[in-house]
Each structure stands twice: as structure tokens, then as C-alpha cells.
């Protein structure tokens, strides 16, 4: 195998990892903002604060599930 092929593969792999980290950070920030806005609207609508927070946690759990599946697919590809 040529050294240039190995270098190109390494560059593409590092770009992929950086994109995944960027997606993880961006998704976390967007989900946090959406969850807080959702909870605020529920509370404004008359729902108790604890119930609104319980429903808001579903946003985070969905994000966590998506990221878990993404990372597991990366691990399967790698190994």
C-alpha cells in the first residue's frame, strides 16, 4: 500500500471524526435550547413545572439515543 493512500485515508478519517464531534456539540446545544423553550411554553400554558421538566427530559433522551446509535455505527465500521 502506498504511503500517500495511508495519508489520504488518515486525513479523511480525521475529518470524519471532527465532523462527528461538531455534530455532537451542535446537536447538544440545539436540543438544550429546544427543551427549555418547550418547558417554558408548557409552564406558560398552565402545566406544573415538574411535569413540564419530565416531558422536557424526553428531548434529551432522544438526542442521547441518536448519538448512541451514531457512535455504535462508527465503532462497527472501525472494528
C-alpha atoms as a PDB file:
ATOM      1  CA  UNK A   1       0.000   0.000   0.000  1.00  0.00           C
ATOM      2  CA  UNK A   2       1.296   3.420  -0.893  1.00  0.00           C
ATOM      3  CA  UNK A   3       2.149   5.940   1.802  1.00  0.00           C
ATOM      4  CA  UNK A   4       0.062   8.590   0.038  1.00  0.00           C
ATOM      5  CA  UNK A   5      -3.000   6.346   0.286  1.00  0.00           C
ATOM      6  CA  UNK A   6      -2.458   5.921   4.018  1.00  0.00           C
ATOM      7  CA  UNK A   7      -2.042   9.677   4.486  1.00  0.00           C
ATOM      8  CA  UNK A   8      -5.213  10.404   2.500  1.00  0.00           C
ATOM      9  CA  UNK A   9      -7.165   7.839   4.495  1.00  0.00           C
ATOM     10  CA  UNK A  10      -5.899   9.361   7.738  1.00  0.00           C
ATOM     11  CA  UNK A  11      -6.932  12.835   6.627  1.00  0.00           C
ATOM     12  CA  UNK A  12     -10.406  11.656   5.656  1.00  0.00           C
ATOM     13  CA  UNK A  13     -10.775   9.790   8.936  1.00  0.00           C
ATOM     14  CA  UNK A  14      -9.725  12.831  10.959  1.00  0.00           C
ATOM     15  CA  UNK A  15     -12.197  14.983   9.007  1.00  0.00           C
ATOM     16  CA  UNK A  16     -14.946  12.474   9.762  1.00  0.00           C
ATOM     17  CA  UNK A  17     -14.130  12.469  13.471  1.00  0.00           C
ATOM     18  CA  UNK A  18     -14.092  16.277  13.583  1.00  0.00           C
ATOM     19  CA  UNK A  19     -17.471  16.400  11.840  1.00  0.00           C
ATOM     20  CA  UNK A  20     -18.913  13.912  14.329  1.00  0.00           C
ATOM     21  CA  UNK A  21     -17.649  15.991  17.255  1.00  0.00           C
ATOM     22  CA  UNK A  22     -19.134  19.129  15.688  1.00  0.00           C
ATOM     23  CA  UNK A  23     -22.480  17.349  15.210  1.00  0.00           C
ATOM     24  CA  UNK A  24     -22.404  16.185  18.824  1.00  0.00           C
ATOM     25  CA  UNK A  25     -21.745  19.699  20.135  1.00  0.00           C
ATOM     26  CA  UNK A  26     -24.272  21.380  17.851  1.00  0.00           C
ATOM     27  CA  UNK A  27     -26.979  18.828  18.487  1.00  0.00           C
ATOM     28  CA  UNK A  28     -26.486  19.099  22.243  1.00  0.00           C
ATOM     29  CA  UNK A  29     -26.807  22.883  22.131  1.00  0.00           C
ATOM     30  CA  UNK A  30     -29.885  22.868  19.882  1.00  0.00           C
ATOM     31  CA  UNK A  31     -31.644  20.183  21.908  1.00  0.00           C
ATOM     32  CA  UNK A  32     -30.968  22.084  25.128  1.00  0.00           C
ATOM     33  CA  UNK A  33     -32.468  25.262  23.670  1.00  0.00           C
ATOM     34  CA  UNK A  34     -35.496  23.416  22.287  1.00  0.00           C
ATOM     35  CA  UNK A  35     -36.083  21.609  25.568  1.00  0.00           C
ATOM     36  CA  UNK A  36     -36.001  24.810  27.586  1.00  0.00           C
ATOM     37  CA  UNK A  37     -38.342  26.582  25.164  1.00  0.00           C
ATOM     38  CA  UNK A  38     -40.715  23.612  25.227  1.00  0.00           C
ATOM     39  CA  UNK A  39     -40.747  23.551  29.027  1.00  0.00           C
ATOM     40  CA  UNK A  40     -41.301  27.302  29.180  1.00  0.00           C
ATOM     41  CA  UNK A  41     -44.301  27.075  26.836  1.00  0.00           C
ATOM     42  CA  UNK A  42     -45.806  24.202  28.814  1.00  0.00           C
ATOM     43  CA  UNK A  43     -45.457  26.154  32.056  1.00  0.00           C
ATOM     44  CA  UNK A  44     -46.994  29.217  30.382  1.00  0.00           C
ATOM     45  CA  UNK A  45     -49.881  27.000  29.313  1.00  0.00           C
ATOM     46  CA  UNK A  46     -50.603  26.068  32.928  1.00  0.00           C
ATOM     47  CA  UNK A  47     -48.752  22.782  33.327  1.00  0.00           C
ATOM     48  CA  UNK A  48     -46.926  22.196  36.639  1.00  0.00           C
ATOM     49  CA  UNK A  49     -43.192  22.837  36.451  1.00  0.00           C
ATOM     50  CA  UNK A  50     -42.231  19.280  37.446  1.00  0.00           C
ATOM     51  CA  UNK A  51     -44.449  17.727  34.762  1.00  0.00           C
ATOM     52  CA  UNK A  52     -43.024  20.098  32.135  1.00  0.00           C
ATOM     53  CA  UNK A  53     -39.476  19.151  33.121  1.00  0.00           C
ATOM     54  CA  UNK A  54     -40.364  15.452  32.936  1.00  0.00           C
ATOM     55  CA  UNK A  55     -41.671  15.894  29.384  1.00  0.00           C
ATOM     56  CA  UNK A  56     -38.663  18.049  28.500  1.00  0.00           C
ATOM     57  CA  UNK A  57     -36.284  15.262  29.505  1.00  0.00           C
ATOM     58  CA  UNK A  58     -37.614  13.227  26.581  1.00  0.00           C
ATOM     59  CA  UNK A  59     -35.860  15.652  24.208  1.00  0.00           C
ATOM     60  CA  UNK A  60     -32.529  14.853  25.827  1.00  0.00           C
ATOM     61  CA  UNK A  61     -33.162  11.116  25.878  1.00  0.00           C
ATOM     62  CA  UNK A  62     -33.952  11.110  22.145  1.00  0.00           C
ATOM     63  CA  UNK A  63     -30.730  13.021  21.426  1.00  0.00           C
ATOM     64  CA  UNK A  64     -28.762  10.575  23.582  1.00  0.00           C
ATOM     65  CA  UNK A  65     -30.284   7.619  21.724  1.00  0.00           C
ATOM     66  CA  UNK A  66     -29.434   9.111  18.322  1.00  0.00           C
ATOM     67  CA  UNK A  67     -25.859   9.787  19.373  1.00  0.00           C
ATOM     68  CA  UNK A  68     -25.513   6.279  20.833  1.00  0.00           C
ATOM     69  CA  UNK A  69     -26.616   4.761  17.536  1.00  0.00           C
ATOM     70  CA  UNK A  70     -24.272   7.029  15.586  1.00  0.00           C
ATOM     71  CA  UNK A  71     -21.267   6.115  17.724  1.00  0.00           C
ATOM     72  CA  UNK A  72     -22.117   2.406  17.617  1.00  0.00           C
ATOM     73  CA  UNK A  73     -22.247   2.523  13.821  1.00  0.00           C
ATOM     74  CA  UNK A  74     -18.844   4.224  13.786  1.00  0.00           C
ATOM     75  CA  UNK A  75     -17.462   1.520  16.075  1.00  0.00           C
ATOM     76  CA  UNK A  76     -18.882  -1.222  13.833  1.00  0.00           C
ATOM     77  CA  UNK A  77     -17.286   0.412  10.794  1.00  0.00           C
ATOM     78  CA  UNK A  78     -13.955   0.730  12.580  1.00  0.00           C
ATOM     79  CA  UNK A  79     -13.839  -2.735  14.088  1.00  0.00           C
END
